[in-house]
Amino acid sequence: MQHRTAVSTVVSALCGALALALPAQAASARQAGHIIVFGHRGASAYAPENTLDSVQRAADLGVDWVENDVQRTRDGALVVIHDTTLARTTNVEQRYPDRAPWSVGSFSLAEIKQLDAGSWFGPDFRGERIPTLQEYLDLLDDTGQGLLLELKQPELYPGIERQTLDVLDRADWLDRPHLARRLIVQSFSAPALRTTHRLRPEVRTGFLGNPPVSQLKQYAAFTDEINAEQHSVTAAYVKAVHGMKGAHSKAMRINTWTVDNAPAATKLVRMGVDGIITDRPDLIESATRRRT
């Protein structure tokens, strides 16, 4: 028993050291030319976006990270969907024709779970459902993928920052291994990221947009990454971002979206970006591997 306890103690210490070393390893990986590819809403070129099938498709393609969008239902459940209306990616107009504009926040979870979130993409996906955040996390526990979680229009859902963190915490996604290498929270809302950082400063965060270089220091106080639209990125901007230390006293990183062709990906790699968010992660993985 004493021998087992000693071994367990050593293993725990080594695991802790490894987790602490991961951010530094990520930085050195960037210097070596490694690019992180994020599956945008899963593998959304091949399956209906933000569904569990899309996550599984990304996993089957060998994609290590997926990006999603989190919103809240009328009765307080967190669900994974991009648009603030259900119209584009479900059959809500047919099922509830008198409830335009079909905003996510005006429907209960039970009502949303009745919607077909797959047929719009193709008949093979008929019956696919909008997942809850918990269901999404459960699948990621099975696949081992990392999550780039977007708080979608948080101004519509007061308190969603704390609620999202609570769900992550209950799902054991705020432990050291997840924080070190499997979770980033992003948003277009700087106030939401400030709140997230205040509530759980150990969580890595990313700002969606491209703040002027003169304002990067302000963003670095509560973010670790700038996640910019691809056409706004220049080599000089990448250098400026890398020259800042983010909220965890590491060099800030820069990811870019939504890049779905190899020439654009190659150009961005040459500029020095750290990650690429894409609907076609297999294509971009192949392009960046050839480049690196």
Protein backbone atom coordinates (compact mmCIF):
# COMPACT_ATOMS: atom_id res chain seq x y z
CA MET A 1 0.00 0.00 0.00
CA GLN A 2 2.82 2.43 0.88
CA HIS A 3 4.55 1.59 -2.40
CA ARG A 4 1.36 2.31 -4.36
CA THR A 5 0.90 5.59 -2.54
CA ALA A 6 4.45 6.65 -3.31
CA VAL A 7 4.04 5.78 -6.98
CA SER A 8 0.73 7.64 -7.10
CA THR A 9 2.36 10.71 -5.57
CA VAL A 10 5.16 10.69 -8.13
CA VAL A 11 2.74 10.23 -11.02
CA SER A 12 0.56 13.08 -9.76
CA ALA A 13 3.57 15.36 -9.48
CA LEU A 14 4.69 14.51 -12.99
CA CYS A 15 1.21 15.12 -14.39
CA GLY A 16 1.06 18.48 -12.68
CA ALA A 17 4.45 19.47 -14.07
CA LEU A 18 3.39 18.39 -17.53
CA ALA A 19 0.22 20.46 -17.37
CA LEU A 20 2.15 23.53 -16.28
CA ALA A 21 4.64 23.00 -19.10
CA LEU A 22 2.01 22.77 -21.82
CA PRO A 23 1.60 26.52 -22.47
CA ALA A 24 5.36 26.82 -22.94
CA GLN A 25 5.31 23.81 -25.24
CA ALA A 26 2.56 25.48 -27.26
CA ALA A 27 4.71 28.58 -27.67
CA SER A 28 7.70 26.53 -28.80
CA ALA A 29 5.43 24.64 -31.20
CA ARG A 30 4.52 27.94 -32.82
CA GLN A 31 8.18 28.82 -33.18
CA ALA A 32 8.71 25.46 -34.86
CA GLY A 33 5.98 26.33 -37.36
CA HIS A 34 3.13 24.22 -35.95
CA ILE A 35 -0.34 25.61 -36.67
CA ILE A 36 -3.41 24.66 -34.65
CA VAL A 37 -6.40 23.91 -36.87
CA PHE A 38 -9.82 24.51 -35.31
CA GLY A 39 -12.88 22.87 -36.85
CA HIS A 40 -15.35 25.74 -37.28
CA ARG A 41 -18.62 24.61 -35.69
CA GLY A 42 -17.18 21.11 -35.95
CA ALA A 43 -16.47 19.95 -39.48
CA SER A 44 -19.20 22.15 -40.89
CA ALA A 45 -18.36 21.64 -44.55
CA TYR A 46 -19.29 17.97 -44.12
CA ALA A 47 -22.05 17.90 -41.49
CA PRO A 48 -24.62 20.34 -40.09
CA GLU A 49 -22.83 22.96 -38.05
CA ASN A 50 -22.64 22.81 -34.26
CA THR A 51 -24.26 19.36 -34.10
CA LEU A 52 -22.78 16.31 -32.43
CA ASP A 53 -22.43 14.73 -35.86
CA SER A 54 -20.27 17.66 -36.94
CA VAL A 55 -18.02 17.18 -33.90
CA GLN A 56 -17.72 13.47 -34.62
CA ARG A 57 -16.88 14.14 -38.27
CA ALA A 58 -14.11 16.46 -37.12
CA ALA A 59 -12.82 13.77 -34.76
CA ASP A 60 -12.90 11.20 -37.56
CA LEU A 61 -10.78 13.58 -39.65
CA GLY A 62 -8.21 13.77 -36.85
CA VAL A 63 -9.03 17.36 -35.89
CA ASP A 64 -7.81 18.15 -32.36
CA TRP A 65 -9.88 21.30 -31.72
CA VAL A 66 -13.45 22.33 -32.51
CA GLU A 67 -15.14 25.71 -32.22
CA ASN A 68 -18.74 26.22 -31.14
CA ASP A 69 -21.30 28.87 -30.14
CA VAL A 70 -23.25 28.92 -26.88
CA GLN A 71 -26.63 30.57 -26.28
CA ARG A 72 -29.46 30.19 -23.76
CA THR A 73 -33.04 28.97 -24.06
CA ARG A 74 -36.08 30.63 -22.54
CA ASP A 75 -35.95 28.26 -19.58
CA GLY A 76 -32.25 28.72 -18.94
CA ALA A 77 -30.57 25.80 -20.72
CA LEU A 78 -27.31 26.39 -22.58
CA VAL A 79 -27.44 25.14 -26.16
CA VAL A 80 -24.95 25.06 -29.02
CA ILE A 81 -26.11 27.06 -32.04
CA HIS A 82 -24.62 29.92 -34.05
CA ASP A 83 -27.51 32.12 -35.18
CA THR A 84 -29.66 33.94 -32.64
CA THR A 85 -32.64 32.71 -34.66
CA LEU A 86 -33.50 29.06 -35.21
CA ALA A 87 -34.74 29.67 -38.76
CA ARG A 88 -31.68 28.95 -40.90
CA THR A 89 -30.56 25.65 -39.41
CA THR A 90 -33.80 24.00 -38.24
CA ASN A 91 -37.38 23.38 -39.36
CA VAL A 92 -38.73 25.82 -36.78
CA GLU A 93 -40.68 27.85 -39.37
CA GLN A 94 -42.68 24.79 -40.34
CA ARG A 95 -43.20 23.57 -36.79
CA TYR A 96 -43.96 26.96 -35.22
CA PRO A 97 -45.07 29.22 -38.10
CA ASP A 98 -46.59 31.85 -35.81
CA ARG A 99 -43.51 32.51 -33.65
CA ALA A 100 -41.32 34.64 -35.90
CA PRO A 101 -38.49 35.64 -35.67
CA TRP A 102 -37.86 32.31 -33.90
CA SER A 103 -35.13 33.60 -31.59
CA VAL A 104 -33.27 30.98 -29.57
CA GLY A 105 -34.07 32.73 -26.31
CA SER A 106 -37.83 32.61 -26.91
CA PHE A 107 -38.03 28.79 -27.03
CA SER A 108 -37.79 26.25 -24.23
CA LEU A 109 -35.27 23.44 -24.35
CA ALA A 110 -38.07 20.90 -24.83
CA GLU A 111 -39.32 22.83 -27.87
CA ILE A 112 -35.84 23.17 -29.33
CA LYS A 113 -35.21 19.45 -28.86
CA GLN A 114 -38.18 18.73 -31.15
CA LEU A 115 -36.57 20.56 -34.06
CA ASP A 116 -34.75 18.92 -36.95
CA ALA A 117 -31.30 20.53 -37.10
CA GLY A 118 -29.94 18.33 -39.88
CA SER A 119 -32.26 18.17 -42.90
CA TRP A 120 -31.37 21.67 -44.07
CA PHE A 121 -27.85 20.37 -44.70
CA GLY A 122 -28.83 17.11 -46.35
CA PRO A 123 -31.24 14.16 -46.08
CA ASP A 124 -28.60 11.96 -44.47
CA PHE A 125 -28.72 14.20 -41.40
CA ARG A 126 -32.46 14.22 -40.90
CA GLY A 127 -33.38 14.18 -37.21
CA GLU A 128 -30.11 15.64 -35.93
CA ARG A 129 -30.80 17.75 -32.83
CA ILE A 130 -29.40 20.95 -31.36
CA PRO A 131 -27.18 19.79 -28.50
CA THR A 132 -26.98 21.23 -25.04
CA LEU A 133 -23.56 22.41 -23.94
CA GLN A 134 -23.41 19.46 -21.53
CA GLU A 135 -24.10 16.97 -24.33
CA TYR A 136 -21.42 18.64 -26.40
CA LEU A 137 -18.88 18.39 -23.58
CA ASP A 138 -19.78 14.74 -23.03
CA LEU A 139 -18.91 13.95 -26.65
CA LEU A 140 -15.64 15.87 -26.41
CA ASP A 141 -14.78 13.78 -23.37
CA ASP A 142 -15.11 10.75 -25.64
CA THR A 143 -13.17 12.20 -28.58
CA GLY A 144 -10.51 14.00 -26.54
CA GLN A 145 -10.79 17.18 -28.60
CA GLY A 146 -10.19 20.68 -27.32
CA LEU A 147 -12.92 23.34 -27.34
CA LEU A 148 -12.84 26.93 -28.55
CA LEU A 149 -16.11 28.06 -26.98
CA GLU A 150 -17.75 31.25 -28.18
CA LEU A 151 -20.14 33.18 -25.99
CA LYS A 152 -22.56 34.23 -28.74
CA GLN A 153 -24.04 37.71 -28.29
CA PRO A 154 -23.82 37.52 -24.49
CA GLU A 155 -25.59 40.85 -24.14
CA LEU A 156 -28.80 38.94 -24.98
CA TYR A 157 -28.27 36.55 -22.08
CA PRO A 158 -27.33 38.35 -18.85
CA GLY A 159 -25.15 36.20 -16.63
CA ILE A 160 -24.28 33.67 -19.33
CA GLU A 161 -20.57 34.02 -18.54
CA ARG A 162 -21.01 32.67 -15.01
CA GLN A 163 -23.54 30.07 -16.13
CA THR A 164 -21.21 28.75 -18.82
CA LEU A 165 -18.34 28.54 -16.36
CA ASP A 166 -20.60 26.68 -13.93
CA VAL A 167 -21.48 24.08 -16.58
CA LEU A 168 -17.82 23.71 -17.49
CA ASP A 169 -16.91 23.33 -13.83
CA ARG A 170 -19.55 20.67 -13.15
CA ALA A 171 -18.32 18.77 -16.21
CA ASP A 172 -14.74 18.89 -14.83
CA TRP A 173 -13.61 21.12 -17.70
CA LEU A 174 -11.98 23.62 -15.35
CA ASP A 175 -9.40 21.20 -14.00
CA ARG A 176 -5.72 21.70 -14.76
CA PRO A 177 -5.43 19.45 -17.86
CA HIS A 178 -8.44 21.04 -19.57
CA LEU A 179 -7.32 24.57 -18.73
CA ALA A 180 -3.80 23.89 -19.97
CA ARG A 181 -4.62 22.33 -23.32
CA ARG A 182 -8.31 21.81 -24.05
CA LEU A 183 -10.31 24.99 -23.39
CA ILE A 184 -10.40 28.56 -24.68
CA VAL A 185 -13.38 30.91 -24.23
CA GLN A 186 -13.83 33.55 -26.93
CA SER A 187 -16.29 36.30 -27.77
CA PHE A 188 -16.78 39.43 -29.84
CA SER A 189 -17.77 41.05 -26.54
CA ALA A 190 -14.88 42.53 -24.58
CA PRO A 191 -17.11 43.02 -21.50
CA ALA A 192 -18.02 39.30 -21.55
CA LEU A 193 -14.35 38.35 -21.67
CA ARG A 194 -13.52 40.75 -18.85
CA THR A 195 -16.26 39.12 -16.79
CA THR A 196 -15.03 35.63 -17.64
CA HIS A 197 -11.48 36.58 -16.67
CA ARG A 198 -12.67 38.16 -13.42
CA LEU A 199 -14.73 35.12 -12.46
CA ARG A 200 -12.17 32.48 -13.43
CA PRO A 201 -8.83 34.13 -14.22
CA GLU A 202 -7.23 30.75 -14.91
CA VAL A 203 -9.37 30.27 -18.06
CA ARG A 204 -7.71 31.21 -21.35
CA THR A 205 -9.70 33.73 -23.39
CA GLY A 206 -9.66 35.06 -26.93
CA PHE A 207 -11.11 38.26 -28.38
CA LEU A 208 -12.86 37.93 -31.73
CA GLY A 209 -11.85 40.90 -33.84
CA ASN A 210 -8.79 42.95 -34.63
CA PRO A 211 -8.27 45.78 -32.13
CA PRO A 212 -5.90 48.53 -33.28
CA VAL A 213 -2.30 47.92 -32.31
CA SER A 214 -2.53 50.94 -30.01
CA GLN A 215 -5.23 49.14 -27.98
CA LEU A 216 -3.67 45.68 -27.77
CA LYS A 217 -2.25 46.36 -24.32
CA GLN A 218 -5.76 47.00 -23.01
CA TYR A 219 -7.01 43.68 -24.40
CA ALA A 220 -3.95 41.85 -23.11
CA ALA A 221 -5.12 42.57 -19.56
CA PHE A 222 -7.97 40.05 -19.92
CA THR A 223 -7.26 37.98 -23.03
CA ASP A 224 -4.62 35.56 -24.25
CA GLU A 225 -5.47 35.54 -27.96
CA ILE A 226 -6.69 37.76 -30.75
CA ASN A 227 -8.92 35.79 -33.13
CA ALA A 228 -9.16 37.96 -36.21
CA GLU A 229 -11.00 37.73 -39.53
CA GLN A 230 -8.53 36.51 -42.14
CA HIS A 231 -8.64 39.54 -44.44
CA SER A 232 -7.76 41.89 -41.58
CA VAL A 233 -4.51 40.06 -40.77
CA THR A 234 -1.09 41.33 -41.85
CA ALA A 235 2.41 40.20 -40.95
CA ALA A 236 2.91 43.45 -39.05
CA TYR A 237 -0.26 42.88 -37.04
CA VAL A 238 0.78 39.32 -36.20
CA LYS A 239 4.14 40.62 -34.99
CA ALA A 240 2.43 43.26 -32.85
CA VAL A 241 0.16 40.67 -31.22
CA HIS A 242 3.08 38.33 -30.54
CA GLY A 243 4.94 41.24 -28.97
CA MET A 244 2.31 41.57 -26.22
CA LYS A 245 2.05 39.48 -23.07
CA GLY A 246 -1.49 38.35 -22.43
CA ALA A 247 -3.53 37.77 -19.32
CA HIS A 248 -1.40 34.79 -18.29
CA SER A 249 1.93 36.56 -18.87
CA LYS A 250 2.65 34.57 -22.03
CA ALA A 251 3.12 35.97 -25.52
CA MET A 252 -0.29 36.58 -27.03
CA ARG A 253 -1.38 34.29 -29.82
CA ILE A 254 -3.34 35.07 -32.97
CA ASN A 255 -5.80 32.80 -34.75
CA THR A 256 -7.76 33.67 -37.87
CA TRP A 257 -11.12 32.75 -39.42
CA THR A 258 -12.78 31.42 -41.56
CA VAL A 259 -10.15 30.00 -43.93
CA ASP A 260 -11.32 27.31 -46.34
CA ASN A 261 -8.70 27.20 -49.08
CA ALA A 262 -5.07 26.12 -49.12
CA PRO A 263 -3.52 29.24 -50.73
CA ALA A 264 -5.05 31.52 -48.10
CA ALA A 265 -3.91 29.19 -45.33
CA THR A 266 -0.38 29.10 -46.71
CA LYS A 267 -0.28 32.90 -46.87
CA LEU A 268 -1.42 33.19 -43.25
CA VAL A 269 1.13 30.62 -42.10
CA ARG A 270 3.85 32.72 -43.72
CA MET A 271 2.58 35.70 -41.75
CA GLY A 272 3.08 33.72 -38.55
CA VAL A 273 -0.45 33.06 -37.29
CA ASP A 274 -0.80 30.46 -34.55
CA GLY A 275 -4.10 28.91 -35.57
CA ILE A 276 -6.65 28.72 -38.35
CA ILE A 277 -10.40 28.29 -37.89
CA THR A 278 -11.97 26.50 -40.84
CA ASP A 279 -15.05 24.67 -42.12
CA ARG A 280 -12.69 22.27 -43.92
CA PRO A 281 -10.17 21.22 -41.29
CA ASP A 282 -8.84 18.28 -43.29
CA LEU A 283 -7.88 20.55 -46.19
CA ILE A 284 -6.22 23.12 -43.95
CA GLU A 285 -4.42 20.44 -41.91
CA SER A 286 -2.97 19.09 -45.14
CA ALA A 287 -1.98 22.54 -46.40
CA THR A 288 -0.30 23.59 -43.16
CA ARG A 289 1.54 20.28 -42.81
CA ARG A 290 3.01 20.72 -46.28
CA ARG A 291 4.05 24.24 -45.35
CA THR A 292 5.62 23.26 -42.01
